């Protein structure tokens, strides 16, 4: 923003006297430099908070898997950040935000490998979002996926699939952007998705859906009749730790996406933080009591996932919703999440972290919720390019018509189609090439001892080492292979084997 309007320049210059114009220019330059410095600090600090969410993802994933696979899932989180940095540097950022004479609404076309690009604060902020998207997907296919598959899909997701979607919604050239440079908005408003309920969460969740569907469930996840059988994670402590780290990081994820904290933006940033908190809290409490009613237990893991579901949903509209609407969003999101968790196992869908239900389903719901309750005054406040001189569609329930809601629906459908058309074939090819899923022997023994040279817990490794390779563990190899290939097998015997070695 500019601190020096024409009125300010005229008044200040006349007050100073003969040297007024020069003094005014100097003062305005210094004020603008100070404002840019404050915004740079705000954006970089937000980027560091978003990056710290990788710690949260790592702890959450480790807690939700069995101890015998803890090292594997931790290493995949490291890989998401490292491989994602290289692919986003070479291609991803250019596809997302590259501009130039050939700019178009579908994909960026310049600044590959940061050529002729020096806005480093923007790059580091956007990279932290790209790797968050990849981290979502890794949870869906935990405990049974080959490491080379992680490397391939993570690079492809952060280098191409995710950047194209972020170009649509967050680039000034994107066809769905709510702050397009030419002012030609989709349905006169564009898609409102502040920090990525669709761009980040839907993309990561849908990619995980296709991976888990093509790869198939873990051994012992369903019995021979298709009944869902619980495979417990090994550490509720790590789940809670990861959840709080993600909660902390979300205060960079959502408020930082306003990109500035100067002037009127400070009010918007504060509202974003409040709405983020309330939606997550309402969803967590609702999930906790709903599970208590249905299962008879106060479940830590479900409450943590309910909290994150509320965050994933509010991420789209925290800047344009009233605080009371954020509470309502969290309450409704909890039921969306619980409904999907109840539905998906009926299709033999196995997602150890419930990533598709949490991020894919709740992210889509968050986009729809914005179309219902986005407040006009908040839209004008958050998007400085919009004003009362032109029609601005807003929430359907506020009387704003259906244009914003329609734009949000189109965004959901196009994202679903894009991710399905890109990530689905990729995972199918990896499956056909034999590069996607580990063998039954490796899956039963555990990824850590089989592929990573030992256990995450050394005392546990010494105590369980004999059991890891006992003949009884492999008595049902043929049955395990049949289960991987999609045949029914006996199921129950595999489950008995895995339960006998449950925490390994």
Foldseek 3Di string as FASTA:
>chain_A
DFPDDPVNLVVQLVVVPPCSNVVSVVVRVVVVVVQVVQLLVLLLVLLVLLLLLLLLLLLQLQQLAFQLASVVLNVLSVLLLPLLVVLCLQAQVQQQAADDPPFAQQTHDDCGNPVVHDPVSVSSSVSSLLSLLLSLLSQQQGLWWFPVLSSVVSSCSSNPLLSRLNNQDPYLRHQQHQQHPVQPHQLSGGFQQQQPLPSRLQLSLLLNQLLQVLQAAAFLQAFLVLHGDDQGGQHLPSSVVSLVSNLSSVLSRQLCSLSGCPDLSVVLSVQLNLLLVLLLVLQLVLQQVVCCVVPVDRDSLSSSLSSLLSNSLCSRPSSQAGSVLSSVLSNVSNVQLVVCVVPVSSVSGGRSNSSNSRRNRSSLVSSLSFQAGGDPVSSCSSHVVDDPVDQHAGHVPVVRDRSNNVSSVVSSVVSSVSSCVPSNVVSNVCVVVVNTTDAPLDSLLGVCVVPPPFTPDNVCCVVCVCVSPPPLSCPCRVQSVCVSVPRSRRSVSSNVSCVVVSND
